[in-house]
Protein backbone atom coordinates (compact mmCIF):
# COMPACT_ATOMS: atom_id res chain seq x y z
CA UNK A 1 85.24 93.17 106.86
CA UNK A 2 88.09 95.63 106.36
CA UNK A 3 88.52 98.18 109.11
CA UNK A 4 90.79 101.14 108.40
CA UNK A 5 91.04 103.85 111.05
CA UNK A 6 94.58 105.07 110.39
CA UNK A 7 96.23 105.21 106.96
CA UNK A 8 99.89 106.20 106.82
CA UNK A 9 101.02 107.80 103.57
CA UNK A 10 104.80 108.19 103.40
CA UNK A 11 105.97 110.83 100.95
CA UNK A 12 109.24 112.00 99.46
CA UNK A 13 107.32 114.69 97.52
CA UNK A 14 107.88 112.94 94.17
CA UNK A 15 105.33 111.90 91.55
CA UNK A 16 104.99 108.37 92.89
CA UNK A 17 104.37 109.73 96.39
CA UNK A 18 101.71 112.13 95.09
CA UNK A 19 100.00 109.18 93.39
CA UNK A 20 100.22 107.24 96.68
CA UNK A 21 98.60 110.17 98.46
CA UNK A 22 95.68 110.05 96.00
CA UNK A 23 95.18 106.38 96.85
CA UNK A 24 95.50 107.08 100.58
CA UNK A 25 92.93 109.88 100.41
CA UNK A 26 90.46 107.73 98.50
CA UNK A 27 90.83 104.89 101.00
CA UNK A 28 90.56 107.28 103.97
CA UNK A 29 87.36 108.82 102.56
CA UNK A 30 85.86 105.42 101.84
CA UNK A 31 86.57 104.03 105.31
CA UNK A 32 86.31 107.27 107.33
CA UNK A 33 89.97 106.96 108.32
CA UNK A 34 92.54 109.54 109.34
CA UNK A 35 95.57 110.02 107.12
CA UNK A 36 98.98 110.29 108.73
CA UNK A 37 101.02 112.12 106.08
CA UNK A 38 104.65 111.40 106.91
CA UNK A 39 107.94 112.66 105.53
CA UNK A 40 111.38 111.70 106.79
CA UNK A 41 113.99 114.43 106.41
CA UNK A 42 117.64 113.51 106.26
CA UNK A 43 119.60 114.26 109.41
CA UNK A 44 122.18 116.69 108.02
CA UNK A 45 124.26 116.53 111.21
CA UNK A 46 124.75 112.76 111.03
CA UNK A 47 125.57 112.93 107.35
CA UNK A 48 128.20 115.64 107.92
CA UNK A 49 129.81 113.73 110.80
CA UNK A 50 130.02 110.54 108.76
CA UNK A 51 132.30 111.99 106.10
CA UNK A 52 136.09 111.80 106.07
CA UNK A 53 136.49 115.44 105.16
CA UNK A 54 135.91 118.41 107.40
CA UNK A 55 132.55 119.99 106.84
CA UNK A 56 130.77 122.87 108.47
CA UNK A 57 127.15 122.33 109.42
CA UNK A 58 125.24 125.46 110.20
CA UNK A 59 122.70 125.00 113.02
CA UNK A 60 119.93 126.54 110.97
CA UNK A 61 120.41 124.12 108.07
CA UNK A 62 118.39 121.29 109.68
CA UNK A 63 115.73 123.78 110.73
CA UNK A 64 115.48 125.09 107.15
CA UNK A 65 115.26 121.57 105.72
CA UNK A 66 112.53 120.65 108.21
CA UNK A 67 110.56 123.87 107.64
CA UNK A 68 110.57 123.35 103.87
CA UNK A 69 109.33 119.78 104.39
CA UNK A 70 106.54 121.04 106.70
CA UNK A 71 105.52 123.58 104.05
CA UNK A 72 105.33 120.87 101.39
CA UNK A 73 103.33 118.62 103.73
CA UNK A 74 100.84 121.42 104.45
CA UNK A 75 100.49 122.05 100.70
CA UNK A 76 99.45 118.43 100.23
CA UNK A 77 96.77 118.47 102.93
CA UNK A 78 93.15 117.93 101.91
CA UNK A 79 90.50 119.84 103.82
CA UNK A 80 87.95 117.03 103.35
CA UNK A 81 90.10 114.28 104.88
CA UNK A 82 91.34 114.34 108.48
CA UNK A 83 95.12 114.56 108.17
CA UNK A 84 97.89 114.44 110.74
CA UNK A 85 101.17 115.86 109.46
CA UNK A 86 104.22 113.95 110.68
CA UNK A 87 107.81 115.02 110.14
CA UNK A 88 110.63 112.77 111.32
CA UNK A 89 114.38 113.26 111.00
CA UNK A 90 116.47 110.18 110.29
CA UNK A 91 118.95 108.71 107.85
CA UNK A 92 116.98 105.44 107.85
CA UNK A 93 113.60 106.39 106.32
CA UNK A 94 112.21 102.84 106.02
CA UNK A 95 112.89 102.08 109.67
CA UNK A 96 111.35 105.40 110.70
CA UNK A 97 108.20 104.68 108.70
CA UNK A 98 107.85 101.21 110.21
CA UNK A 99 108.54 102.45 113.75
CA UNK A 100 105.89 105.15 113.37
CA UNK A 101 103.37 102.61 112.06
CA UNK A 102 104.01 100.34 115.05
CA UNK A 103 103.75 103.16 117.58
CA UNK A 104 100.50 104.60 116.18
CA UNK A 105 98.50 101.44 115.34
CA UNK A 106 98.51 102.19 111.62
CA UNK A 107 96.15 99.89 109.69
CA UNK A 108 97.61 100.45 106.21
CA UNK A 109 100.76 102.06 104.82
CA UNK A 110 100.61 103.60 101.34
CA UNK A 111 103.94 104.40 99.74
CA UNK A 112 105.08 105.34 96.25
CA UNK A 113 107.76 103.41 94.46
CA UNK A 114 109.95 104.65 91.65
CA UNK A 115 110.23 101.34 89.85
CA UNK A 116 113.97 101.70 89.25
CA UNK A 117 115.84 99.11 87.24
CA UNK A 118 117.62 96.14 88.82
CA UNK A 119 121.08 97.75 88.90
CA UNK A 120 119.86 101.01 90.50
CA UNK A 121 117.82 99.00 92.97
CA UNK A 122 120.82 96.86 93.86
CA UNK A 123 123.03 99.90 94.45
CA UNK A 124 120.55 102.11 96.29
CA UNK A 125 117.99 99.72 97.73
CA UNK A 126 114.36 100.63 98.01
CA UNK A 127 112.61 102.34 100.89
CA UNK A 128 109.30 100.87 99.72
CA UNK A 129 110.73 97.34 99.62
CA UNK A 130 112.20 97.68 103.11
CA UNK A 131 108.85 98.95 104.42
CA UNK A 132 107.00 96.03 102.81
CA UNK A 133 109.40 93.53 104.38
CA UNK A 134 109.17 94.89 107.93
CA UNK A 135 105.81 96.65 108.27
CA UNK A 136 103.41 95.58 111.03
CA UNK A 137 100.42 96.02 108.66
CA UNK A 138 99.56 95.73 104.95
CA UNK A 139 101.44 98.01 102.57
CA UNK A 140 100.08 99.35 99.30
CA UNK A 141 102.84 100.36 96.90
CA UNK A 142 101.95 102.76 94.12
CA UNK A 143 104.08 103.10 91.03
CA UNK A 144 103.94 106.16 88.83
CA UNK A 145 103.07 106.14 85.98
CA UNK A 146 100.85 103.13 86.29
CA UNK A 147 97.29 102.19 85.55
CA UNK A 148 95.30 104.05 88.17
CA UNK A 149 92.11 102.81 89.73
CA UNK A 150 91.41 105.95 91.76
CA UNK A 151 89.11 108.16 89.72
CA UNK A 152 87.93 111.63 90.70
CA UNK A 153 84.76 111.69 92.71
CA UNK A 154 81.95 112.92 90.40
CA UNK A 155 80.68 115.41 92.98
CA UNK A 156 84.12 116.91 93.61
CA UNK A 157 84.70 117.30 89.87
CA UNK A 158 81.37 119.11 89.47
CA UNK A 159 82.04 121.31 92.52
CA UNK A 160 85.35 122.48 91.04
CA UNK A 161 83.78 123.29 87.66
């Protein structure tokens, strides 16, 4: 028997992440689970300090970045599925996702992947791959565009018509 109480969907607000959220919602509805919708914002202060050149970081910049991320998270909420919005600030998104999953007894992580080529992957790495390698639970990676197996619920389609 599969028991899912907490499904973590990590998003970067891209197409692959939106597809991952569709999968996460379908699984949460099926199993009566809560979705933890998580986004990791970049820590603008650490990035500015790490450069060799002088840069000015305005105190409100991080607040603005975080507020925009919160707005986008709220826009992706679904009224029919219990959703906890989680916003973390870090320059290591994969580690933040894994740490959150460990701390909150997450049963499944759903994350989008961009499916970049080998050279781009070698240069930039992959958050999804790092999560898969170190997660404390199963990880479902969703690539966009890809053959989808989540289809709209017939009742929800009729209700919207």
